Amino acid sequence: MTLKPSTGDGSALEWIKSSHSSNDGPDCVEVAATPGTVHVRDSKDTQGPRLAFAPGAWTDFMTYTAGR
């Protein structure tokens, strides 16, 4: 996954939008990393629910999905 900066929504987290999202196409997911947590949200609903992963769990998830 290639990452590109997302337009901000005023939150303290720096959200990175998936390169599979575009300004004129379908939206996807955004990720924000902090030292102890990787946050994930729907780029269409930036105020909606979010997931939070421990860094090791996120690495495991990405390794699993890369093989699919």
N, C-alpha and C. Protein backbone atom coordinates (compact mmCIF):
# COMPACT_ATOMS: atom_id res chain seq x y z
N MET A 1 0.85 -1.17 0.00
CA MET A 1 0.00 0.00 0.00
C MET A 1 0.90 1.22 0.00
N THR A 2 0.68 2.13 -0.91
CA THR A 2 1.37 3.40 -0.93
C THR A 2 0.51 4.41 -0.18
N LEU A 3 1.14 5.23 0.60
CA LEU A 3 0.40 6.18 1.42
C LEU A 3 0.57 7.59 0.89
N LYS A 4 -0.48 8.38 1.06
CA LYS A 4 -0.41 9.79 0.71
C LYS A 4 -1.12 10.57 1.80
N PRO A 5 -0.67 11.79 2.11
CA PRO A 5 -1.32 12.57 3.17
C PRO A 5 -2.79 12.82 2.87
N SER A 6 -3.59 12.76 3.90
CA SER A 6 -5.01 13.04 3.80
C SER A 6 -5.26 14.51 4.10
N THR A 7 -6.38 15.03 3.65
CA THR A 7 -6.75 16.37 4.07
C THR A 7 -7.15 16.30 5.53
N GLY A 8 -6.75 17.27 6.31
CA GLY A 8 -6.98 17.24 7.75
C GLY A 8 -8.42 17.46 8.13
N ASP A 9 -8.78 16.95 9.28
CA ASP A 9 -10.13 17.17 9.82
C ASP A 9 -10.06 17.88 11.15
N GLY A 10 -8.87 18.43 11.49
CA GLY A 10 -8.73 19.16 12.74
C GLY A 10 -8.32 18.31 13.91
N SER A 11 -8.18 17.00 13.74
CA SER A 11 -7.79 16.15 14.85
C SER A 11 -6.30 16.25 15.09
N ALA A 12 -5.84 15.81 16.25
CA ALA A 12 -4.43 15.86 16.60
C ALA A 12 -3.64 14.77 15.89
N LEU A 13 -4.30 13.74 15.39
CA LEU A 13 -3.61 12.65 14.71
C LEU A 13 -3.30 13.06 13.27
N GLU A 14 -2.19 12.58 12.74
CA GLU A 14 -1.86 12.81 11.34
C GLU A 14 -2.31 11.59 10.54
N TRP A 15 -3.42 11.74 9.85
CA TRP A 15 -4.03 10.64 9.11
C TRP A 15 -3.41 10.53 7.73
N ILE A 16 -3.12 9.30 7.31
CA ILE A 16 -2.56 9.01 6.00
C ILE A 16 -3.59 8.19 5.23
N LYS A 17 -3.96 8.66 4.04
CA LYS A 17 -4.98 7.99 3.24
C LYS A 17 -4.32 6.98 2.31
N SER A 18 -4.95 5.84 2.16
CA SER A 18 -4.47 4.81 1.24
C SER A 18 -4.41 5.36 -0.17
N SER A 19 -3.42 4.91 -0.94
CA SER A 19 -3.31 5.32 -2.33
C SER A 19 -4.44 4.74 -3.17
N HIS A 20 -5.19 3.79 -2.64
CA HIS A 20 -6.34 3.24 -3.34
C HIS A 20 -7.53 4.19 -3.28
N SER A 21 -7.43 5.25 -2.48
CA SER A 21 -8.44 6.28 -2.42
C SER A 21 -8.05 7.40 -3.38
N SER A 22 -9.02 8.06 -3.94
CA SER A 22 -8.73 9.20 -4.81
C SER A 22 -9.77 10.28 -4.58
N ASN A 23 -9.46 11.48 -5.04
CA ASN A 23 -10.39 12.59 -4.87
C ASN A 23 -11.62 12.44 -5.75
N ASP A 24 -11.53 11.70 -6.85
CA ASP A 24 -12.65 11.55 -7.76
C ASP A 24 -13.11 10.10 -7.91
N GLY A 25 -12.77 9.28 -6.93
CA GLY A 25 -13.17 7.87 -6.98
C GLY A 25 -13.58 7.38 -5.61
N PRO A 26 -13.63 6.07 -5.47
CA PRO A 26 -14.06 5.51 -4.18
C PRO A 26 -13.06 5.83 -3.07
N ASP A 27 -13.59 6.06 -1.90
CA ASP A 27 -12.74 6.27 -0.73
C ASP A 27 -12.37 4.94 -0.12
N CYS A 28 -11.46 4.97 0.82
CA CYS A 28 -10.93 3.73 1.36
C CYS A 28 -10.70 3.89 2.86
N VAL A 29 -9.48 3.67 3.29
CA VAL A 29 -9.15 3.79 4.71
C VAL A 29 -8.04 4.80 4.92
N GLU A 30 -7.97 5.29 6.15
CA GLU A 30 -6.90 6.16 6.58
C GLU A 30 -6.30 5.57 7.84
N VAL A 31 -5.00 5.78 8.01
CA VAL A 31 -4.27 5.24 9.15
C VAL A 31 -3.50 6.37 9.81
N ALA A 32 -3.46 6.37 11.14
CA ALA A 32 -2.65 7.31 11.91
C ALA A 32 -1.90 6.52 12.97
N ALA A 33 -0.59 6.70 13.01
CA ALA A 33 0.23 5.95 13.96
C ALA A 33 0.71 6.85 15.09
N THR A 34 0.65 6.31 16.29
CA THR A 34 1.23 6.94 17.47
C THR A 34 2.21 5.91 18.04
N PRO A 35 3.04 6.28 19.00
CA PRO A 35 4.02 5.30 19.50
C PRO A 35 3.42 3.98 19.97
N GLY A 36 2.23 3.98 20.52
CA GLY A 36 1.68 2.74 21.07
C GLY A 36 0.46 2.21 20.36
N THR A 37 -0.04 2.92 19.33
CA THR A 37 -1.29 2.52 18.70
C THR A 37 -1.30 2.90 17.23
N VAL A 38 -1.90 2.03 16.41
CA VAL A 38 -2.18 2.35 15.02
C VAL A 38 -3.69 2.50 14.90
N HIS A 39 -4.14 3.69 14.50
CA HIS A 39 -5.56 4.01 14.38
C HIS A 39 -5.99 3.85 12.93
N VAL A 40 -7.19 3.31 12.70
CA VAL A 40 -7.72 3.10 11.35
C VAL A 40 -9.14 3.63 11.32
N ARG A 41 -9.47 4.35 10.23
CA ARG A 41 -10.84 4.85 10.07
C ARG A 41 -11.23 4.82 8.60
N ASP A 42 -12.52 4.91 8.35
CA ASP A 42 -13.10 4.97 7.01
C ASP A 42 -12.91 6.40 6.51
N SER A 43 -12.30 6.58 5.35
CA SER A 43 -12.05 7.93 4.85
C SER A 43 -13.33 8.64 4.41
N LYS A 44 -14.43 7.91 4.21
CA LYS A 44 -15.71 8.54 3.87
C LYS A 44 -16.43 9.06 5.11
N ASP A 45 -16.08 8.53 6.28
CA ASP A 45 -16.77 8.87 7.53
C ASP A 45 -15.72 9.15 8.60
N THR A 46 -15.00 10.26 8.46
CA THR A 46 -13.87 10.55 9.34
C THR A 46 -14.28 10.77 10.79
N GLN A 47 -15.54 11.05 11.05
CA GLN A 47 -16.00 11.23 12.43
C GLN A 47 -16.63 9.95 12.97
N GLY A 48 -16.70 8.91 12.16
CA GLY A 48 -17.34 7.66 12.54
C GLY A 48 -16.43 6.78 13.39
N PRO A 49 -16.78 5.52 13.51
CA PRO A 49 -16.01 4.59 14.34
C PRO A 49 -14.59 4.42 13.84
N ARG A 50 -13.71 4.11 14.78
CA ARG A 50 -12.30 3.88 14.47
C ARG A 50 -11.85 2.59 15.13
N LEU A 51 -10.87 1.97 14.52
CA LEU A 51 -10.22 0.81 15.11
C LEU A 51 -8.88 1.24 15.66
N ALA A 52 -8.42 0.55 16.69
CA ALA A 52 -7.10 0.83 17.25
C ALA A 52 -6.38 -0.50 17.44
N PHE A 53 -5.16 -0.58 16.92
CA PHE A 53 -4.35 -1.78 16.99
C PHE A 53 -3.06 -1.52 17.74
N ALA A 54 -2.60 -2.49 18.51
CA ALA A 54 -1.24 -2.44 19.03
C ALA A 54 -0.32 -2.60 17.82
N PRO A 55 0.87 -1.98 17.84
CA PRO A 55 1.75 -2.06 16.67
C PRO A 55 2.03 -3.48 16.20
N GLY A 56 2.23 -4.42 17.10
CA GLY A 56 2.49 -5.80 16.71
C GLY A 56 1.29 -6.44 16.02
N ALA A 57 0.10 -6.13 16.50
CA ALA A 57 -1.12 -6.66 15.89
C ALA A 57 -1.31 -6.08 14.49
N TRP A 58 -0.98 -4.80 14.33
CA TRP A 58 -1.09 -4.17 13.01
C TRP A 58 -0.10 -4.81 12.03
N THR A 59 1.12 -5.06 12.49
CA THR A 59 2.12 -5.72 11.65
C THR A 59 1.64 -7.10 11.23
N ASP A 60 1.09 -7.84 12.17
CA ASP A 60 0.55 -9.17 11.86
C ASP A 60 -0.58 -9.08 10.82
N PHE A 61 -1.46 -8.12 11.01
CA PHE A 61 -2.58 -7.92 10.08
C PHE A 61 -2.07 -7.58 8.68
N MET A 62 -1.13 -6.66 8.58
CA MET A 62 -0.60 -6.26 7.27
C MET A 62 0.14 -7.42 6.61
N THR A 63 0.88 -8.20 7.38
CA THR A 63 1.58 -9.36 6.83
C THR A 63 0.56 -10.36 6.29
N TYR A 64 -0.50 -10.59 7.03
CA TYR A 64 -1.56 -11.52 6.60
C TYR A 64 -2.22 -11.03 5.32
N THR A 65 -2.60 -9.76 5.27
CA THR A 65 -3.33 -9.25 4.09
C THR A 65 -2.43 -9.14 2.87
N ALA A 66 -1.14 -8.94 3.05
CA ALA A 66 -0.22 -8.83 1.91
C ALA A 66 -0.14 -10.14 1.15
N GLY A 67 -0.38 -11.24 1.83
CA GLY A 67 -0.33 -12.55 1.19
C GLY A 67 -1.60 -12.95 0.50
N ARG A 68 -2.61 -12.10 0.55
CA ARG A 68 -3.94 -12.42 -0.03
C ARG A 68 -4.08 -11.88 -1.41
